[in-house]
C-alpha cells in the first residue's frame, strides 16, 4: 500500500482592518508556537499585517483559523496567496 506524503506549503496572508497596535503579531506567534509551522509576521507601513506560514496544509489551516478567531472583530479582510516553500527555515518569528 502506498503512503500519501503531503508536501509542505507556504501561504501568505495580508490582514486588513484594525490589526496594528492590538497585539496581532504576538498573538500570531503564540498561536504558531505549538504547531509544526515556520514563518513570520510583520506590520506593514500601510497599516496591514503580513503573515507567512509554512508547514503541512492542515497545520497552516489550524493556525489561520486560530488567528481569525483570536482577532475576530479586528480583521476586515484577509487576502491569501501561495508562495514558494523556503528551505532551512526553523521557526515562526515576528519580523521587523
C-alpha atoms as a PDB file:
ATOM      1  CA  UNK A   1       0.000   0.000   0.000  1.00  0.00           C
ATOM      2  CA  UNK A   2       1.339   3.420  -0.962  1.00  0.00           C
ATOM      3  CA  UNK A   3       1.621   6.094   1.700  1.00  0.00           C
ATOM      4  CA  UNK A   4       0.486   9.557   0.701  1.00  0.00           C
ATOM      5  CA  UNK A   5       3.188  12.087   1.555  1.00  0.00           C
ATOM      6  CA  UNK A   6       1.822  15.601   1.903  1.00  0.00           C
ATOM      7  CA  UNK A   7       4.310  18.251   0.892  1.00  0.00           C
ATOM      8  CA  UNK A   8       4.830  21.396   2.897  1.00  0.00           C
ATOM      9  CA  UNK A   9       3.246  24.565   1.584  1.00  0.00           C
ATOM     10  CA  UNK A  10       3.890  28.256   2.222  1.00  0.00           C
ATOM     11  CA  UNK A  11       0.965  30.645   2.437  1.00  0.00           C
ATOM     12  CA  UNK A  12       0.975  34.419   2.780  1.00  0.00           C
ATOM     13  CA  UNK A  13      -1.905  36.420   4.205  1.00  0.00           C
ATOM     14  CA  UNK A  14      -2.285  40.202   4.243  1.00  0.00           C
ATOM     15  CA  UNK A  15      -4.684  41.164   7.034  1.00  0.00           C
ATOM     16  CA  UNK A  16      -6.608  44.422   6.692  1.00  0.00           C
ATOM     17  CA  UNK A  17      -8.622  46.145   9.400  1.00  0.00           C
ATOM     18  CA  UNK A  18      -7.684  47.314  12.870  1.00  0.00           C
ATOM     19  CA  UNK A  19      -4.743  44.930  13.010  1.00  0.00           C
ATOM     20  CA  UNK A  20      -1.845  47.063  14.232  1.00  0.00           C
ATOM     21  CA  UNK A  21      -1.403  48.106  17.855  1.00  0.00           C
ATOM     22  CA  UNK A  22      -3.687  45.323  19.112  1.00  0.00           C
ATOM     23  CA  UNK A  23      -1.201  42.507  19.815  1.00  0.00           C
ATOM     24  CA  UNK A  24      -1.718  40.827  16.456  1.00  0.00           C
ATOM     25  CA  UNK A  25       1.914  39.826  15.889  1.00  0.00           C
ATOM     26  CA  UNK A  26       2.432  38.487  19.412  1.00  0.00           C
ATOM     27  CA  UNK A  27      -0.846  36.568  19.192  1.00  0.00           C
ATOM     28  CA  UNK A  28       0.089  35.052  15.829  1.00  0.00           C
ATOM     29  CA  UNK A  29       3.488  33.971  17.140  1.00  0.00           C
ATOM     30  CA  UNK A  30       1.957  32.472  20.303  1.00  0.00           C
ATOM     31  CA  UNK A  31      -0.598  30.534  18.236  1.00  0.00           C
ATOM     32  CA  UNK A  32       2.117  29.286  15.868  1.00  0.00           C
ATOM     33  CA  UNK A  33       4.490  28.071  18.623  1.00  0.00           C
ATOM     34  CA  UNK A  34       2.716  24.782  19.463  1.00  0.00           C
ATOM     35  CA  UNK A  35       2.252  23.911  15.776  1.00  0.00           C
ATOM     36  CA  UNK A  36       4.908  22.466  13.444  1.00  0.00           C
ATOM     37  CA  UNK A  37       4.933  25.619  11.293  1.00  0.00           C
ATOM     38  CA  UNK A  38       7.569  28.190  10.426  1.00  0.00           C
ATOM     39  CA  UNK A  39       7.273  31.679   9.013  1.00  0.00           C
ATOM     40  CA  UNK A  40       6.930  35.278  10.025  1.00  0.00           C
ATOM     41  CA  UNK A  41       4.505  38.041  10.862  1.00  0.00           C
ATOM     42  CA  UNK A  42       5.171  41.776  10.487  1.00  0.00           C
ATOM     43  CA  UNK A  43       3.469  45.155  10.431  1.00  0.00           C
ATOM     44  CA  UNK A  44       3.447  46.879   7.064  1.00  0.00           C
ATOM     45  CA  UNK A  45       3.743  50.660   6.545  1.00  0.00           C
ATOM     46  CA  UNK A  46       0.232  50.764   5.017  1.00  0.00           C
ATOM     47  CA  UNK A  47      -1.393  49.618   8.288  1.00  0.00           C
ATOM     48  CA  UNK A  48      -1.827  45.967   7.301  1.00  0.00           C
ATOM     49  CA  UNK A  49      -0.202  42.894   8.821  1.00  0.00           C
ATOM     50  CA  UNK A  50       1.696  40.450   6.601  1.00  0.00           C
ATOM     51  CA  UNK A  51       1.970  36.801   7.652  1.00  0.00           C
ATOM     52  CA  UNK A  52       3.792  33.916   6.002  1.00  0.00           C
ATOM     53  CA  UNK A  53       3.308  30.393   7.314  1.00  0.00           C
ATOM     54  CA  UNK A  54       4.954  27.193   6.126  1.00  0.00           C
ATOM     55  CA  UNK A  55       4.137  23.620   7.029  1.00  0.00           C
ATOM     56  CA  UNK A  56       1.629  20.898   6.337  1.00  0.00           C
ATOM     57  CA  UNK A  57      -1.674  22.177   4.907  1.00  0.00           C
ATOM     58  CA  UNK A  58      -3.718  21.062   7.949  1.00  0.00           C
ATOM     59  CA  UNK A  59      -1.355  22.866  10.343  1.00  0.00           C
ATOM     60  CA  UNK A  60      -1.487  26.044   8.253  1.00  0.00           C
ATOM     61  CA  UNK A  61      -5.295  25.927   8.332  1.00  0.00           C
ATOM     62  CA  UNK A  62      -5.272  25.426  12.124  1.00  0.00           C
ATOM     63  CA  UNK A  63      -3.035  28.463  12.536  1.00  0.00           C
ATOM     64  CA  UNK A  64      -5.057  30.715  10.235  1.00  0.00           C
ATOM     65  CA  UNK A  65      -8.345  29.622  11.823  1.00  0.00           C
ATOM     66  CA  UNK A  66      -6.941  30.306  15.300  1.00  0.00           C
ATOM     67  CA  UNK A  67      -5.740  33.764  14.262  1.00  0.00           C
ATOM     68  CA  UNK A  68      -9.141  34.522  12.743  1.00  0.00           C
ATOM     69  CA  UNK A  69     -10.894  33.572  15.983  1.00  0.00           C
ATOM     70  CA  UNK A  70      -8.416  35.377  18.253  1.00  0.00           C
ATOM     71  CA  UNK A  71      -8.554  38.569  16.182  1.00  0.00           C
ATOM     72  CA  UNK A  72     -12.281  38.409  15.422  1.00  0.00           C
ATOM     73  CA  UNK A  73     -13.731  41.882  15.052  1.00  0.00           C
ATOM     74  CA  UNK A  74     -10.354  43.370  14.133  1.00  0.00           C
ATOM     75  CA  UNK A  75      -9.855  41.717  10.734  1.00  0.00           C
ATOM     76  CA  UNK A  76     -11.916  43.262   7.944  1.00  0.00           C
ATOM     77  CA  UNK A  77     -10.333  41.204   5.180  1.00  0.00           C
ATOM     78  CA  UNK A  78      -7.620  38.587   4.732  1.00  0.00           C
ATOM     79  CA  UNK A  79      -6.040  38.291   1.288  1.00  0.00           C
ATOM     80  CA  UNK A  80      -4.313  34.956   0.864  1.00  0.00           C
ATOM     81  CA  UNK A  81      -1.800  33.727  -1.693  1.00  0.00           C
ATOM     82  CA  UNK A  82       0.558  30.778  -2.121  1.00  0.00           C
ATOM     83  CA  UNK A  83       4.320  31.313  -2.045  1.00  0.00           C
ATOM     84  CA  UNK A  84       7.288  29.065  -2.818  1.00  0.00           C
ATOM     85  CA  UNK A  85       8.482  26.980   0.132  1.00  0.00           C
ATOM     86  CA  UNK A  86      11.636  28.306   1.834  1.00  0.00           C
ATOM     87  CA  UNK A  87      14.373  25.863   2.726  1.00  0.00           C
ATOM     88  CA  UNK A  88      16.108  25.854   6.113  1.00  0.00           C
ATOM     89  CA  UNK A  89      13.576  27.993   7.956  1.00  0.00           C
ATOM     90  CA  UNK A  90      13.465  26.875  11.581  1.00  0.00           C
ATOM     91  CA  UNK A  91      10.889  28.937  13.482  1.00  0.00           C
ATOM     92  CA  UNK A  92       7.979  31.340  13.353  1.00  0.00           C
ATOM     93  CA  UNK A  93       9.097  34.861  14.184  1.00  0.00           C
ATOM     94  CA  UNK A  94       7.986  38.442  14.454  1.00  0.00           C
ATOM     95  CA  UNK A  95       9.832  40.299  11.707  1.00  0.00           C
ATOM     96  CA  UNK A  96      10.664  43.986  11.888  1.00  0.00           C
END
